[in-house]
N, C-alpha and C. Protein backbone atom coordinates (compact mmCIF):
# COMPACT_ATOMS: atom_id res chain seq x y z
N MET A 1 -7.08 -12.15 7.72
CA MET A 1 -6.46 -10.74 6.78
C MET A 1 -6.38 -11.02 5.48
N ALA A 2 -7.27 -10.54 4.50
CA ALA A 2 -6.72 -10.94 3.29
C ALA A 2 -5.33 -10.92 2.79
N GLU A 3 -5.07 -11.78 1.98
CA GLU A 3 -3.54 -12.02 1.66
C GLU A 3 -3.48 -12.06 0.00
N VAL A 4 -2.38 -11.91 -0.46
CA VAL A 4 -1.61 -12.14 -1.70
C VAL A 4 -0.57 -12.79 -1.99
N ILE A 5 -0.33 -13.13 -3.20
CA ILE A 5 1.24 -13.73 -3.27
C ILE A 5 2.11 -12.83 -4.18
N ALA A 6 3.26 -12.92 -4.22
CA ALA A 6 4.06 -12.01 -5.21
C ALA A 6 3.22 -12.42 -6.40
N ASN A 7 2.99 -13.22 -7.58
CA ASN A 7 2.67 -13.13 -8.34
C ASN A 7 1.19 -12.93 -8.55
N THR A 8 0.81 -12.43 -7.64
CA THR A 8 -0.62 -11.57 -7.69
C THR A 8 -1.20 -10.30 -7.04
N ALA A 9 0.24 -9.80 -6.82
CA ALA A 9 0.00 -8.67 -6.01
C ALA A 9 -0.11 -7.50 -6.67
N HIS A 10 0.11 -7.35 -8.24
CA HIS A 10 0.01 -6.46 -9.11
C HIS A 10 -1.41 -6.11 -9.37
N TYR A 11 -2.20 -7.42 -9.00
CA TYR A 11 -3.80 -6.92 -9.24
C TYR A 11 -4.55 -6.12 -8.15
N VAL A 12 -3.40 -5.73 -7.17
CA VAL A 12 -4.26 -5.22 -5.78
C VAL A 12 -3.70 -3.70 -6.00
N ARG A 13 -4.69 -2.70 -5.82
CA ARG A 13 -3.96 -1.23 -6.06
C ARG A 13 -4.33 -0.69 -5.15
N LYS A 14 -3.52 0.48 -4.38
CA LYS A 14 -3.41 1.21 -3.58
C LYS A 14 -4.39 2.66 -4.08
N ILE A 15 -5.54 2.84 -3.24
CA ILE A 15 -6.03 4.22 -3.59
C ILE A 15 -6.16 5.00 -2.17
N ALA A 16 -6.45 6.64 -2.76
CA ALA A 16 -6.63 7.30 -1.69
C ALA A 16 -7.91 7.68 -2.30
N PRO A 17 -9.21 7.23 -1.73
CA PRO A 17 -10.51 7.75 -1.81
C PRO A 17 -10.35 9.44 -1.63
N THR A 18 -11.12 10.03 -2.73
CA THR A 18 -11.31 11.67 -2.45
C THR A 18 -12.40 12.09 -2.32
N ILE A 19 -13.59 11.61 -2.80
CA ILE A 19 -14.73 12.15 -2.65
C ILE A 19 -15.59 11.54 -1.60
N LEU A 20 -16.40 12.17 -0.96
CA LEU A 20 -16.85 11.76 0.52
C LEU A 20 -17.61 10.34 0.50
N ASP A 21 -18.20 10.18 -0.91
CA ASP A 21 -19.23 8.60 -0.92
C ASP A 21 -18.25 7.55 -0.73
N GLU A 22 -17.01 7.57 -1.36
CA GLU A 22 -15.99 6.83 -1.39
C GLU A 22 -15.45 6.56 -0.10
N VAL A 23 -15.00 7.60 0.86
CA VAL A 23 -14.30 7.50 1.79
C VAL A 23 -15.41 6.95 3.10
N GLU A 24 -16.58 7.27 2.84
CA GLU A 24 -17.20 6.52 3.65
C GLU A 24 -17.77 5.19 3.56
N LYS A 25 -17.59 4.67 2.29
CA LYS A 25 -17.47 3.00 2.15
C LYS A 25 -16.69 2.54 2.95
N TRP A 26 -15.55 3.01 3.19
CA TRP A 26 -14.02 2.52 3.52
C TRP A 26 -14.34 2.40 4.95
N GLN A 27 -15.03 3.68 5.59
CA GLN A 27 -14.73 3.91 6.99
C GLN A 27 -15.89 3.46 8.03
N TYR A 28 -17.14 3.49 7.20
CA TYR A 28 -18.10 3.13 7.97
C TYR A 28 -18.26 1.89 8.30
N VAL A 29 -18.79 1.44 9.14
CA VAL A 29 -19.03 0.02 9.69
C VAL A 29 -20.93 -0.39 9.38
N TYR A 30 -20.90 -1.40 8.84
CA TYR A 30 -22.44 -1.83 8.40
C TYR A 30 -22.92 -3.23 9.17
N GLY A 31 -24.24 -3.02 9.88
CA GLY A 31 -24.78 -4.35 10.52
C GLY A 31 -24.99 -5.35 9.85
N ILE A 32 -25.66 -6.11 10.57
CA ILE A 32 -26.47 -7.13 9.82
C ILE A 32 -27.64 -6.97 9.21
N GLY A 33 -27.83 -7.51 8.19
CA GLY A 33 -28.39 -7.13 7.15
C GLY A 33 -28.69 -6.29 6.46
N ALA A 34 -27.80 -5.08 6.56
CA ALA A 34 -27.51 -3.71 5.88
C ALA A 34 -27.38 -4.27 4.27
N ALA A 35 -27.84 -3.46 3.58
CA ALA A 35 -27.42 -3.10 2.15
C ALA A 35 -25.80 -3.26 1.98
N VAL A 36 -25.23 -3.94 0.95
CA VAL A 36 -23.62 -4.19 0.76
C VAL A 36 -23.45 -3.00 -0.28
N PRO A 37 -22.73 -1.96 0.34
CA PRO A 37 -22.38 -0.26 -0.61
C PRO A 37 -21.46 -0.77 -1.82
N ALA A 38 -20.56 -1.96 -1.38
CA ALA A 38 -19.70 -2.25 -2.93
C ALA A 38 -19.12 -3.37 -2.80
N SER A 39 -19.16 -4.12 -3.81
CA SER A 39 -18.51 -5.54 -3.89
C SER A 39 -17.07 -5.33 -3.32
N GLY A 40 -16.85 -6.52 -2.48
CA GLY A 40 -15.80 -6.52 -1.90
C GLY A 40 -15.20 -7.90 -0.91
N ILE A 41 -14.34 -7.54 -0.20
CA ILE A 41 -14.33 -8.21 1.14
C ILE A 41 -14.46 -7.27 2.35
N TYR A 42 -15.24 -7.78 3.23
CA TYR A 42 -15.55 -7.11 4.54
C TYR A 42 -14.92 -7.96 5.57
N ARG A 43 -14.20 -7.32 6.57
CA ARG A 43 -13.97 -7.58 7.43
C ARG A 43 -14.95 -7.50 9.19
N CYS A 44 -15.21 -8.51 9.58
CA CYS A 44 -16.01 -8.29 11.00
C CYS A 44 -15.14 -7.78 12.05
N THR A 45 -15.58 -6.32 12.48
CA THR A 45 -14.77 -5.41 13.32
C THR A 45 -14.77 -6.14 14.76
N GLY A 46 -15.74 -7.24 14.78
CA GLY A 46 -15.83 -8.06 16.52
C GLY A 46 -14.58 -9.14 16.56
N CYS A 47 -14.61 -9.78 15.16
CA CYS A 47 -13.90 -10.96 15.57
C CYS A 47 -12.67 -11.33 14.27
N GLY A 48 -12.70 -10.36 13.35
CA GLY A 48 -11.90 -10.40 12.27
C GLY A 48 -12.18 -11.63 10.83
N ASP A 49 -13.20 -12.27 11.22
CA ASP A 49 -13.50 -12.89 10.17
C ASP A 49 -13.70 -12.03 8.95
N GLU A 50 -13.58 -12.74 7.49
CA GLU A 50 -13.91 -12.17 6.18
C GLU A 50 -15.04 -12.91 5.74
N ILE A 51 -15.54 -12.18 4.77
CA ILE A 51 -16.45 -12.39 3.86
C ILE A 51 -16.47 -11.65 2.55
N THR A 52 -16.75 -12.34 1.63
CA THR A 52 -17.12 -11.59 0.15
C THR A 52 -18.37 -11.23 0.16
N SER A 53 -18.80 -9.67 -0.52
CA SER A 53 -20.23 -9.51 -0.68
C SER A 53 -20.33 -8.93 -1.89
N ASN A 54 -21.46 -8.88 -2.55
CA ASN A 54 -21.91 -8.25 -3.69
C ASN A 54 -22.75 -7.00 -3.60
N LYS A 55 -22.46 -5.73 -4.15
CA LYS A 55 -23.24 -4.51 -4.09
C LYS A 55 -24.71 -5.06 -4.41
N GLY A 56 -25.01 -4.40 -3.16
CA GLY A 56 -26.68 -4.64 -3.32
C GLY A 56 -27.39 -5.82 -2.65
N ASP A 57 -26.41 -6.80 -2.18
CA ASP A 57 -26.55 -7.89 -1.51
C ASP A 57 -26.94 -7.09 0.16
N LYS A 58 -27.49 -8.23 0.81
CA LYS A 58 -27.70 -8.19 2.49
C LYS A 58 -26.29 -8.78 3.13
N PHE A 59 -25.63 -8.07 4.16
CA PHE A 59 -25.19 -8.63 4.72
C PHE A 59 -25.70 -9.92 5.67
N PRO A 60 -24.86 -10.70 5.95
CA PRO A 60 -25.35 -12.02 6.60
C PRO A 60 -26.18 -12.01 7.91
N PRO A 61 -27.25 -12.57 7.96
CA PRO A 61 -28.20 -12.51 9.10
C PRO A 61 -27.15 -13.23 10.34
N GLN A 62 -27.94 -12.94 11.73
CA GLN A 62 -27.20 -13.03 12.86
C GLN A 62 -27.03 -14.64 12.90
N ASN A 63 -27.67 -15.92 12.32
CA ASN A 63 -27.36 -16.90 12.29
C ASN A 63 -26.40 -17.51 11.83
N ARG A 64 -25.83 -16.55 10.77
CA ARG A 64 -24.96 -17.13 9.81
C ARG A 64 -23.46 -16.76 10.11
N HIS A 65 -23.36 -15.84 11.27
CA HIS A 65 -22.42 -15.15 11.84
C HIS A 65 -22.51 -14.82 12.94
N GLN A 66 -21.81 -15.54 14.02
CA GLN A 66 -22.10 -15.34 15.32
C GLN A 66 -20.62 -15.30 16.36
N HIS A 67 -20.60 -14.73 17.57
CA HIS A 67 -19.49 -14.34 18.18
C HIS A 67 -19.86 -15.34 19.41
N ALA A 68 -18.65 -15.96 20.07
CA ALA A 68 -19.11 -16.85 21.05
C ALA A 68 -19.37 -15.86 22.20
N ASN A 69 -18.84 -14.37 22.14
CA ASN A 69 -19.25 -13.48 23.48
C ASN A 69 -20.39 -12.62 22.78
N SER A 70 -21.78 -13.02 22.87
CA SER A 70 -22.56 -12.35 22.41
C SER A 70 -22.63 -10.67 22.50
N SER A 71 -21.84 -10.17 23.47
CA SER A 71 -21.89 -8.96 23.47
C SER A 71 -21.20 -7.98 22.77
N VAL A 72 -20.73 -8.69 21.86
CA VAL A 72 -19.41 -7.97 20.91
C VAL A 72 -20.45 -8.30 19.74
N PRO A 73 -20.56 -6.61 18.99
CA PRO A 73 -21.71 -7.26 17.78
C PRO A 73 -20.68 -7.45 16.65
N VAL A 74 -21.58 -7.61 15.66
CA VAL A 74 -21.31 -8.02 14.21
C VAL A 74 -21.60 -6.93 13.58
N GLN A 75 -20.54 -6.36 13.12
CA GLN A 75 -20.32 -5.13 12.11
C GLN A 75 -19.39 -5.32 11.07
N TRP A 76 -19.54 -5.18 9.91
CA TRP A 76 -18.61 -5.58 8.76
C TRP A 76 -17.95 -4.17 8.09
N GLN A 77 -16.65 -4.27 8.02
CA GLN A 77 -16.00 -3.14 7.05
C GLN A 77 -15.63 -3.43 5.91
N LEU A 78 -15.44 -2.56 4.78
CA LEU A 78 -14.78 -2.85 3.79
C LEU A 78 -13.11 -2.91 3.93
N ILE A 79 -12.47 -3.83 3.35
CA ILE A 79 -11.12 -3.73 3.51
C ILE A 79 -10.43 -3.96 1.97
N VAL A 80 -11.24 -4.61 1.27
CA VAL A 80 -10.75 -5.00 -0.42
C VAL A 80 -12.01 -4.55 -1.12
N LYS A 81 -12.05 -3.46 -2.14
CA LYS A 81 -12.87 -3.30 -2.94
C LYS A 81 -12.78 -4.05 -4.36
N THR A 82 -13.66 -4.86 -4.81
CA THR A 82 -13.79 -5.64 -5.84
C THR A 82 -14.22 -4.94 -7.16
N GLN A 83 -13.77 -5.19 -8.46
CA GLN A 83 -14.07 -4.82 -9.60
C GLN A 83 -15.04 -5.56 -10.06
N THR A 84 -16.04 -5.04 -10.36
CA THR A 84 -17.16 -6.18 -10.99
C THR A 84 -18.00 -5.23 -11.99
N LYS A 85 -18.46 -6.09 -13.01
CA LYS A 85 -19.35 -5.13 -13.81
C LYS A 85 -20.61 -5.65 -13.72
N GLY A 86 -22.17 -5.05 -13.71
CA GLY A 86 -23.20 -5.05 -13.69
C GLY A 86 -24.00 -3.93 -13.23
């Protein structure tokens, strides 16, 4: 789970996405090789591991993230959106 300390917690802002596009970015799960919709921290829904990814990049291929139980799918869900320029 992503963590912050008291001295850096003020950099994290809770939001309530209001437009459909933003809501979908948070609720949708993305598969291996899919394009990253927003820069941020993503959690694997199968095992809980977290990665950071940049908008427009692709999520890691199967050989970069594997589960001990191959029947558990590798899927990524946005948990922290980061502010980037570019």
